[in-house]
Amino acid sequence: MPQPFSVCFVCTGNICRSPIAESVFRARVDEAGLGGLVRVDSAGTDGWHEGDGADPRTVSVLEAAGYESDHLARRFQVSWFPRLDLVIALDAGHLRTLRRLAPTPTDADKVRLLRSYDPAATDLDVPDPYFGDDDGFDACLRMIEAASDGLLDAVREAMEGRAA
């Protein structure tokens, strides 16, 4: 059996945006019948919250929308690049950080902005909802959902290219 296609979502602390993206995209993958073929996880560029659960507002917005919310924060490790097919940054700062960390140009090419997969997006950053209210978490969820279908199409296309 081939290695699963591996996608890792990355934000700053891995307690808000990236866990939302991980949950939403995993649900899309499962709905598409690709659960055993695509591995989805998340991490943060910083280790402030390593081992902590997701922010309670993250859990609340995910559960209200019908997504699973089991999560423990972890820090992104450079050693993961070889096993990852896509590293999905939630904003331009994460994109720059991850591309700087990438050990090779090939690894740097794996790093993409999530909202680049949403053709209607004009601003490609998913704003950090951490210091705001619940509305920021709802907006974050909507932006992530809007980009997830395009990302799923890109993953399917990449997987077909792999099999050819």
N, C-alpha and C. Protein backbone atom coordinates (compact mmCIF):
# COMPACT_ATOMS: atom_id res chain seq x y z
N MET A 1 0.86 -1.19 0.00
CA MET A 1 0.00 0.00 0.00
C MET A 1 0.90 1.25 0.00
N PRO A 2 0.58 2.25 -0.82
CA PRO A 2 1.40 3.46 -0.88
C PRO A 2 1.30 4.27 0.42
N GLN A 3 2.33 5.08 0.64
CA GLN A 3 2.31 5.99 1.80
C GLN A 3 1.15 6.95 1.67
N PRO A 4 0.47 7.27 2.76
CA PRO A 4 -0.61 8.28 2.68
C PRO A 4 -0.04 9.63 2.26
N PHE A 5 -0.85 10.39 1.55
CA PHE A 5 -0.52 11.78 1.23
C PHE A 5 -0.64 12.54 2.54
N SER A 6 0.35 13.31 2.90
CA SER A 6 0.40 13.92 4.23
C SER A 6 0.32 15.45 4.16
N VAL A 7 -0.66 15.99 4.91
CA VAL A 7 -0.90 17.43 4.97
C VAL A 7 -0.80 17.88 6.42
N CYS A 8 -0.01 18.92 6.67
CA CYS A 8 0.11 19.48 8.02
C CYS A 8 -0.25 20.97 7.98
N PHE A 9 -1.22 21.36 8.77
CA PHE A 9 -1.63 22.76 8.89
C PHE A 9 -0.83 23.42 10.01
N VAL A 10 -0.35 24.64 9.76
CA VAL A 10 0.52 25.30 10.74
C VAL A 10 0.07 26.73 10.98
N CYS A 11 -0.11 27.06 12.27
CA CYS A 11 -0.32 28.44 12.70
C CYS A 11 0.72 28.74 13.78
N THR A 12 0.49 29.69 14.64
CA THR A 12 1.50 30.07 15.61
C THR A 12 1.56 29.12 16.80
N GLY A 13 0.46 28.98 17.53
CA GLY A 13 0.49 28.20 18.76
C GLY A 13 -0.17 26.84 18.68
N ASN A 14 -0.83 26.55 17.56
CA ASN A 14 -1.50 25.28 17.35
C ASN A 14 -2.64 25.05 18.35
N ILE A 15 -3.37 26.13 18.67
CA ILE A 15 -4.55 25.97 19.52
C ILE A 15 -5.81 26.61 18.93
N CYS A 16 -5.65 27.37 17.83
CA CYS A 16 -6.82 28.02 17.23
C CYS A 16 -6.98 27.65 15.75
N ARG A 17 -6.26 28.36 14.89
CA ARG A 17 -6.46 28.22 13.45
C ARG A 17 -6.09 26.85 12.91
N SER A 18 -4.91 26.36 13.24
CA SER A 18 -4.50 25.08 12.65
C SER A 18 -5.33 23.89 13.15
N PRO A 19 -5.75 23.85 14.42
CA PRO A 19 -6.65 22.75 14.80
C PRO A 19 -8.01 22.82 14.10
N ILE A 20 -8.49 24.04 13.85
CA ILE A 20 -9.75 24.17 13.10
C ILE A 20 -9.54 23.63 11.69
N ALA A 21 -8.44 24.04 11.05
CA ALA A 21 -8.15 23.57 9.69
C ALA A 21 -7.98 22.06 9.66
N GLU A 22 -7.28 21.52 10.63
CA GLU A 22 -7.09 20.06 10.69
C GLU A 22 -8.43 19.34 10.79
N SER A 23 -9.31 19.78 11.66
CA SER A 23 -10.61 19.13 11.85
C SER A 23 -11.49 19.24 10.61
N VAL A 24 -11.54 20.44 10.04
CA VAL A 24 -12.37 20.65 8.85
C VAL A 24 -11.85 19.82 7.68
N PHE A 25 -10.54 19.87 7.45
CA PHE A 25 -10.00 19.15 6.30
C PHE A 25 -10.09 17.64 6.49
N ARG A 26 -9.86 17.16 7.69
CA ARG A 26 -10.02 15.72 7.95
C ARG A 26 -11.45 15.28 7.64
N ALA A 27 -12.43 16.10 8.00
CA ALA A 27 -13.83 15.78 7.70
C ALA A 27 -14.05 15.74 6.19
N ARG A 28 -13.46 16.70 5.45
CA ARG A 28 -13.60 16.71 3.99
C ARG A 28 -12.97 15.46 3.38
N VAL A 29 -11.81 15.08 3.88
CA VAL A 29 -11.10 13.89 3.40
C VAL A 29 -11.96 12.64 3.65
N ASP A 30 -12.51 12.54 4.85
CA ASP A 30 -13.35 11.39 5.18
C ASP A 30 -14.61 11.35 4.32
N GLU A 31 -15.25 12.51 4.13
CA GLU A 31 -16.45 12.59 3.30
C GLU A 31 -16.16 12.14 1.86
N ALA A 32 -14.94 12.41 1.40
CA ALA A 32 -14.54 12.05 0.03
C ALA A 32 -14.09 10.60 -0.08
N GLY A 33 -14.10 9.87 1.05
CA GLY A 33 -13.69 8.47 1.04
C GLY A 33 -12.19 8.28 0.94
N LEU A 34 -11.42 9.29 1.35
CA LEU A 34 -9.96 9.24 1.24
C LEU A 34 -9.27 9.09 2.59
N GLY A 35 -10.05 8.76 3.63
CA GLY A 35 -9.51 8.70 4.99
C GLY A 35 -8.26 7.86 5.16
N GLY A 36 -8.16 6.74 4.50
CA GLY A 36 -6.97 5.90 4.63
C GLY A 36 -5.84 6.31 3.72
N LEU A 37 -6.12 7.25 2.81
CA LEU A 37 -5.12 7.65 1.82
C LEU A 37 -4.49 9.01 2.09
N VAL A 38 -5.10 9.78 2.99
CA VAL A 38 -4.60 11.13 3.30
C VAL A 38 -4.46 11.26 4.81
N ARG A 39 -3.26 11.64 5.26
CA ARG A 39 -3.02 11.87 6.68
C ARG A 39 -3.07 13.39 6.92
N VAL A 40 -3.83 13.80 7.92
CA VAL A 40 -4.02 15.22 8.22
C VAL A 40 -3.63 15.47 9.67
N ASP A 41 -2.77 16.49 9.89
CA ASP A 41 -2.44 16.88 11.25
C ASP A 41 -2.14 18.37 11.28
N SER A 42 -1.67 18.85 12.42
CA SER A 42 -1.38 20.28 12.56
C SER A 42 -0.29 20.50 13.58
N ALA A 43 0.26 21.71 13.56
CA ALA A 43 1.33 22.08 14.48
C ALA A 43 1.41 23.60 14.54
N GLY A 44 2.27 24.09 15.44
CA GLY A 44 2.50 25.52 15.56
C GLY A 44 3.96 25.86 15.29
N THR A 45 4.19 27.09 14.85
CA THR A 45 5.57 27.52 14.63
C THR A 45 6.29 27.74 15.96
N ASP A 46 5.53 27.99 17.00
CA ASP A 46 6.10 28.20 18.34
C ASP A 46 5.58 27.14 19.30
N GLY A 47 6.32 26.91 20.36
CA GLY A 47 5.97 25.85 21.29
C GLY A 47 5.27 26.30 22.55
N TRP A 48 4.72 27.51 22.56
CA TRP A 48 4.10 28.04 23.77
C TRP A 48 3.04 27.13 24.37
N HIS A 49 2.28 26.46 23.55
CA HIS A 49 1.13 25.69 24.03
C HIS A 49 1.31 24.19 23.89
N GLU A 50 2.53 23.72 23.65
CA GLU A 50 2.75 22.29 23.46
C GLU A 50 2.12 21.48 24.58
N GLY A 51 1.36 20.45 24.17
CA GLY A 51 0.71 19.58 25.14
C GLY A 51 -0.64 20.07 25.62
N ASP A 52 -0.99 21.33 25.31
CA ASP A 52 -2.29 21.87 25.71
C ASP A 52 -3.37 21.45 24.72
N GLY A 53 -4.59 21.42 25.19
CA GLY A 53 -5.72 21.21 24.29
C GLY A 53 -5.99 22.47 23.49
N ALA A 54 -6.88 22.36 22.54
CA ALA A 54 -7.27 23.52 21.75
C ALA A 54 -7.95 24.55 22.65
N ASP A 55 -7.87 25.81 22.23
CA ASP A 55 -8.56 26.90 22.91
C ASP A 55 -10.04 26.51 23.05
N PRO A 56 -10.66 26.76 24.19
CA PRO A 56 -12.08 26.39 24.36
C PRO A 56 -13.00 26.98 23.29
N ARG A 57 -12.65 28.15 22.77
CA ARG A 57 -13.46 28.75 21.71
C ARG A 57 -13.31 27.96 20.40
N THR A 58 -12.13 27.39 20.18
CA THR A 58 -11.91 26.52 19.03
C THR A 58 -12.80 25.29 19.15
N VAL A 59 -12.76 24.67 20.31
CA VAL A 59 -13.57 23.48 20.56
C VAL A 59 -15.05 23.81 20.35
N SER A 60 -15.48 24.93 20.88
CA SER A 60 -16.89 25.33 20.79
C SER A 60 -17.33 25.53 19.34
N VAL A 61 -16.53 26.25 18.55
CA VAL A 61 -16.92 26.52 17.16
C VAL A 61 -16.90 25.23 16.33
N LEU A 62 -15.95 24.35 16.60
CA LEU A 62 -15.91 23.09 15.88
C LEU A 62 -17.11 22.21 16.22
N GLU A 63 -17.39 22.07 17.50
CA GLU A 63 -18.51 21.22 17.92
C GLU A 63 -19.84 21.77 17.43
N ALA A 64 -20.00 23.09 17.46
CA ALA A 64 -21.25 23.70 16.99
C ALA A 64 -21.46 23.44 15.49
N ALA A 65 -20.37 23.30 14.75
CA ALA A 65 -20.46 23.05 13.30
C ALA A 65 -20.44 21.56 12.97
N GLY A 66 -20.36 20.71 14.00
CA GLY A 66 -20.41 19.27 13.77
C GLY A 66 -19.07 18.60 13.49
N TYR A 67 -17.97 19.27 13.81
CA TYR A 67 -16.64 18.69 13.60
C TYR A 67 -16.10 18.11 14.90
N GLU A 68 -15.19 17.14 14.76
CA GLU A 68 -14.50 16.60 15.93
C GLU A 68 -13.48 17.62 16.42
N SER A 69 -13.18 17.57 17.72
CA SER A 69 -12.30 18.60 18.27
C SER A 69 -11.24 18.06 19.23
N ASP A 70 -10.90 16.79 19.12
CA ASP A 70 -9.87 16.21 19.98
C ASP A 70 -8.51 16.69 19.48
N HIS A 71 -7.74 17.39 20.34
CA HIS A 71 -6.50 18.00 19.87
C HIS A 71 -5.54 18.26 21.02
N LEU A 72 -4.25 18.04 20.76
CA LEU A 72 -3.17 18.46 21.66
C LEU A 72 -2.15 19.23 20.83
N ALA A 73 -1.79 20.41 21.29
CA ALA A 73 -0.87 21.28 20.55
C ALA A 73 0.54 20.69 20.53
N ARG A 74 1.22 20.95 19.42
CA ARG A 74 2.61 20.55 19.28
C ARG A 74 3.32 21.55 18.39
N ARG A 75 4.63 21.53 18.45
CA ARG A 75 5.45 22.45 17.66
C ARG A 75 5.92 21.76 16.39
N PHE A 76 5.90 22.49 15.28
CA PHE A 76 6.36 21.96 14.01
C PHE A 76 7.86 21.66 14.09
N GLN A 77 8.25 20.52 13.56
CA GLN A 77 9.65 20.10 13.56
C GLN A 77 10.20 20.05 12.13
N VAL A 78 11.36 20.62 11.93
CA VAL A 78 12.00 20.62 10.62
C VAL A 78 12.16 19.19 10.10
N SER A 79 12.38 18.26 10.99
CA SER A 79 12.58 16.86 10.60
C SER A 79 11.35 16.24 9.95
N TRP A 80 10.19 16.90 10.03
CA TRP A 80 8.97 16.38 9.43
C TRP A 80 8.90 16.61 7.92
N PHE A 81 9.66 17.60 7.42
CA PHE A 81 9.54 17.96 6.00
C PHE A 81 9.61 16.76 5.06
N PRO A 82 10.55 15.84 5.21
CA PRO A 82 10.63 14.74 4.24
C PRO A 82 9.36 13.88 4.15
N ARG A 83 8.61 13.75 5.25
CA ARG A 83 7.42 12.89 5.23
C ARG A 83 6.15 13.65 4.86
N LEU A 84 6.24 14.96 4.75
CA LEU A 84 5.06 15.76 4.44
C LEU A 84 4.99 16.07 2.94
N ASP A 85 3.77 16.01 2.40
CA ASP A 85 3.56 16.39 1.00
C ASP A 85 3.18 17.86 0.88
N LEU A 86 2.39 18.35 1.83
CA LEU A 86 2.01 19.76 1.88
C LEU A 86 2.09 20.27 3.31
N VAL A 87 2.63 21.47 3.44
CA VAL A 87 2.65 22.17 4.72
C VAL A 87 1.82 23.43 4.49
N ILE A 88 0.66 23.49 5.13
CA ILE A 88 -0.30 24.55 4.85
C ILE A 88 -0.24 25.62 5.94
N ALA A 89 0.25 26.79 5.56
CA ALA A 89 0.38 27.92 6.47
C ALA A 89 -0.94 28.68 6.52
N LEU A 90 -1.27 29.19 7.72
CA LEU A 90 -2.52 29.92 7.88
C LEU A 90 -2.39 31.41 7.64
N ASP A 91 -1.16 31.94 7.64
CA ASP A 91 -0.97 33.34 7.25
C ASP A 91 0.44 33.53 6.68
N ALA A 92 0.68 34.71 6.14
CA ALA A 92 1.95 34.99 5.46
C ALA A 92 3.15 34.90 6.40
N GLY A 93 2.98 35.23 7.66
CA GLY A 93 4.07 35.11 8.62
C GLY A 93 4.49 33.65 8.80
N HIS A 94 3.50 32.77 8.89
CA HIS A 94 3.79 31.33 9.00
C HIS A 94 4.47 30.84 7.72
N LEU A 95 3.99 31.31 6.59
CA LEU A 95 4.57 30.93 5.30
C LEU A 95 6.06 31.26 5.26
N ARG A 96 6.40 32.50 5.63
CA ARG A 96 7.81 32.92 5.64
C ARG A 96 8.63 32.08 6.61
N THR A 97 8.11 31.87 7.80
CA THR A 97 8.83 31.09 8.81
C THR A 97 9.07 29.67 8.32
N LEU A 98 8.05 29.04 7.80
CA LEU A 98 8.18 27.65 7.35
C LEU A 98 9.12 27.52 6.16
N ARG A 99 9.05 28.45 5.23
CA ARG A 99 9.96 28.40 4.08
C ARG A 99 11.40 28.63 4.52
N ARG A 100 11.59 29.47 5.52
CA ARG A 100 12.93 29.69 6.07
C ARG A 100 13.46 28.42 6.76
N LEU A 101 12.58 27.70 7.42
CA LEU A 101 12.97 26.46 8.12
C LEU A 101 13.23 25.30 7.17
N ALA A 102 12.65 25.35 5.99
CA ALA A 102 12.74 24.23 5.04
C ALA A 102 14.21 23.94 4.71
N PRO A 103 14.63 22.67 4.86
CA PRO A 103 16.03 22.34 4.62
C PRO A 103 16.44 22.32 3.15
N THR A 104 15.47 22.21 2.24
CA THR A 104 15.79 22.17 0.81
C THR A 104 14.78 23.02 0.04
N PRO A 105 15.12 23.43 -1.17
CA PRO A 105 14.14 24.14 -2.00
C PRO A 105 12.88 23.30 -2.27
N THR A 106 13.04 22.00 -2.40
CA THR A 106 11.88 21.11 -2.61
C THR A 106 10.95 21.17 -1.40
N ASP A 107 11.53 21.18 -0.20
CA ASP A 107 10.71 21.28 1.00
C ASP A 107 10.03 22.65 1.08
N ALA A 108 10.72 23.71 0.72
CA ALA A 108 10.13 25.05 0.73
C ALA A 108 8.94 25.12 -0.23
N ASP A 109 9.02 24.40 -1.35
CA ASP A 109 7.91 24.39 -2.32
C ASP A 109 6.67 23.69 -1.79
N LYS A 110 6.80 22.90 -0.75
CA LYS A 110 5.66 22.21 -0.14
C LYS A 110 4.80 23.16 0.69
N VAL A 111 5.33 24.32 1.04
CA VAL A 111 4.64 25.25 1.93
C VAL A 111 3.72 26.16 1.11
N ARG A 112 2.45 26.17 1.47
CA ARG A 112 1.43 26.96 0.76
C ARG A 112 0.52 27.65 1.76
N LEU A 113 -0.11 28.73 1.31
CA LEU A 113 -1.12 29.40 2.13
C LEU A 113 -2.48 28.74 1.91
N LEU A 114 -3.18 28.46 2.99
CA LEU A 114 -4.48 27.79 2.90
C LEU A 114 -5.45 28.54 2.00
N ARG A 115 -5.56 29.84 2.20
CA ARG A 115 -6.59 30.58 1.45
C ARG A 115 -6.24 30.73 -0.03
N SER A 116 -5.05 30.31 -0.44
CA SER A 116 -4.74 30.32 -1.87
C SER A 116 -5.59 29.29 -2.60
N TYR A 117 -6.21 28.38 -1.87
CA TYR A 117 -7.09 27.37 -2.45
C TYR A 117 -8.55 27.83 -2.52
N ASP A 118 -8.82 29.06 -2.10
CA ASP A 118 -10.16 29.64 -2.17
C ASP A 118 -10.16 30.70 -3.26
N PRO A 119 -10.76 30.42 -4.42
CA PRO A 119 -10.72 31.38 -5.52
C PRO A 119 -11.41 32.71 -5.21
N ALA A 120 -12.27 32.75 -4.20
CA ALA A 120 -12.97 33.99 -3.85
C ALA A 120 -12.17 34.84 -2.86
N ALA A 121 -11.09 34.31 -2.29
CA ALA A 121 -10.32 35.03 -1.28
C ALA A 121 -9.51 36.16 -1.91
N THR A 122 -9.58 37.32 -1.30
CA THR A 122 -8.76 38.45 -1.75
C THR A 122 -7.57 38.65 -0.80
N ASP A 123 -7.78 38.42 0.47
CA ASP A 123 -6.71 38.45 1.47
C ASP A 123 -6.42 36.99 1.82
N LEU A 124 -5.18 36.56 1.65
CA LEU A 124 -4.85 35.15 1.82
C LEU A 124 -4.54 34.75 3.26
N ASP A 125 -4.56 35.69 4.19
CA ASP A 125 -4.33 35.36 5.60
C ASP A 125 -5.64 34.97 6.28
N VAL A 126 -5.56 33.96 7.16
CA VAL A 126 -6.65 33.67 8.08
C VAL A 126 -6.27 34.41 9.36
N PRO A 127 -7.01 35.47 9.72
CA PRO A 127 -6.65 36.26 10.90
C PRO A 127 -6.67 35.43 12.19
N ASP A 128 -5.76 35.74 13.09
CA ASP A 128 -5.68 35.04 14.37
C ASP A 128 -6.84 35.49 15.26
N PRO A 129 -7.72 34.56 15.63
CA PRO A 129 -8.87 34.95 16.45
C PRO A 129 -8.57 34.98 17.95
N TYR A 130 -7.38 34.58 18.36
CA TYR A 130 -7.07 34.35 19.77
C TYR A 130 -7.40 35.54 20.68
N PHE A 131 -7.05 36.75 20.28
CA PHE A 131 -7.25 37.91 21.15
C PHE A 131 -8.60 38.59 20.95
N GLY A 132 -9.46 37.97 20.13
CA GLY A 132 -10.77 38.55 19.87
C GLY A 132 -11.88 37.79 20.56
N ASP A 133 -13.07 37.96 20.02
CA ASP A 133 -14.24 37.30 20.61
C ASP A 133 -14.64 36.08 19.76
N ASP A 134 -15.76 35.48 20.12
CA ASP A 134 -16.23 34.28 19.43
C ASP A 134 -16.46 34.50 17.94
N ASP A 135 -16.85 35.73 17.56
CA ASP A 135 -17.09 36.00 16.14
C ASP A 135 -15.84 35.76 15.30
N GLY A 136 -14.67 36.02 15.86
CA GLY A 136 -13.42 35.78 15.14
C GLY A 136 -13.21 34.30 14.87
N PHE A 137 -13.62 33.47 15.78
CA PHE A 137 -13.50 32.01 15.59
C PHE A 137 -14.48 31.53 14.53
N ASP A 138 -15.68 32.11 14.54
CA ASP A 138 -16.67 31.77 13.50
C ASP A 138 -16.15 32.18 12.12
N ALA A 139 -15.60 33.38 12.03
CA ALA A 139 -15.06 33.86 10.75
C ALA A 139 -13.90 32.97 10.29
N CYS A 140 -13.05 32.59 11.21
CA CYS A 140 -11.92 31.70 10.92
C CYS A 140 -12.44 30.38 10.35
N LEU A 141 -13.43 29.80 10.98
CA LEU A 141 -14.01 28.55 10.50
C LEU A 141 -14.56 28.71 9.09
N ARG A 142 -15.27 29.79 8.82
CA ARG A 142 -15.85 30.01 7.48
C ARG A 142 -14.75 30.13 6.42
N MET A 143 -13.67 30.83 6.74
CA MET A 143 -12.56 30.98 5.78
C MET A 143 -11.91 29.63 5.49
N ILE A 144 -11.73 28.85 6.52
CA ILE A 144 -11.10 27.53 6.38
C ILE A 144 -12.01 26.60 5.58
N GLU A 145 -13.30 26.61 5.87
CA GLU A 145 -14.23 25.79 5.10
C GLU A 145 -14.21 26.18 3.63
N ALA A 146 -14.17 27.47 3.36
CA ALA A 146 -14.18 27.94 1.97
C ALA A 146 -12.95 27.48 1.19
N ALA A 147 -11.83 27.35 1.85
CA ALA A 147 -10.59 26.93 1.18
C ALA A 147 -10.43 25.42 1.12
N SER A 148 -11.14 24.70 1.95
CA SER A 148 -10.92 23.26 2.07
C SER A 148 -11.31 22.47 0.83
N ASP A 149 -12.34 22.88 0.12
CA ASP A 149 -12.73 22.15 -1.09
C ASP A 149 -11.65 22.27 -2.16
N GLY A 150 -11.11 23.48 -2.35
CA GLY A 150 -10.03 23.67 -3.32
C GLY A 150 -8.79 22.90 -2.93
N LEU A 151 -8.48 22.87 -1.63
CA LEU A 151 -7.33 22.10 -1.17
C LEU A 151 -7.56 20.61 -1.43
N LEU A 152 -8.76 20.14 -1.17
CA LEU A 152 -9.06 18.73 -1.42
C LEU A 152 -8.88 18.40 -2.91
N ASP A 153 -9.32 19.28 -3.79
CA ASP A 153 -9.12 19.07 -5.22
C ASP A 153 -7.62 19.00 -5.56
N ALA A 154 -6.83 19.88 -4.96
CA ALA A 154 -5.38 19.88 -5.21
C ALA A 154 -4.73 18.60 -4.70
N VAL A 155 -5.17 18.12 -3.55
CA VAL A 155 -4.63 16.87 -3.00
C VAL A 155 -4.99 15.70 -3.91
N ARG A 156 -6.24 15.66 -4.36
CA ARG A 156 -6.66 14.58 -5.28
C ARG A 156 -5.79 14.59 -6.54
N GLU A 157 -5.57 15.77 -7.11
CA GLU A 157 -4.77 15.91 -8.32
C GLU A 157 -3.32 15.44 -8.07
N ALA A 158 -2.77 15.83 -6.94
CA ALA A 158 -1.40 15.41 -6.59
C ALA A 158 -1.32 13.90 -6.41
N MET A 159 -2.36 13.32 -5.81
CA MET A 159 -2.37 11.88 -5.60
C MET A 159 -2.47 11.14 -6.93
N GLU A 160 -3.26 11.67 -7.86
CA GLU A 160 -3.34 11.05 -9.19
C GLU A 160 -2.00 11.13 -9.90
N GLY A 161 -1.31 12.25 -9.77
CA GLY A 161 0.00 12.41 -10.37
C GLY A 161 1.01 11.44 -9.80
N ARG A 162 0.85 11.13 -8.53
CA ARG A 162 1.73 10.17 -7.86
C ARG A 162 1.55 8.76 -8.40
N ALA A 163 0.29 8.41 -8.68
CA ALA A 163 -0.02 7.06 -9.14
C ALA A 163 0.37 6.84 -10.60
N ALA A 164 0.47 7.93 -11.35
CA ALA A 164 0.78 7.80 -12.79
C ALA A 164 2.23 7.44 -13.04
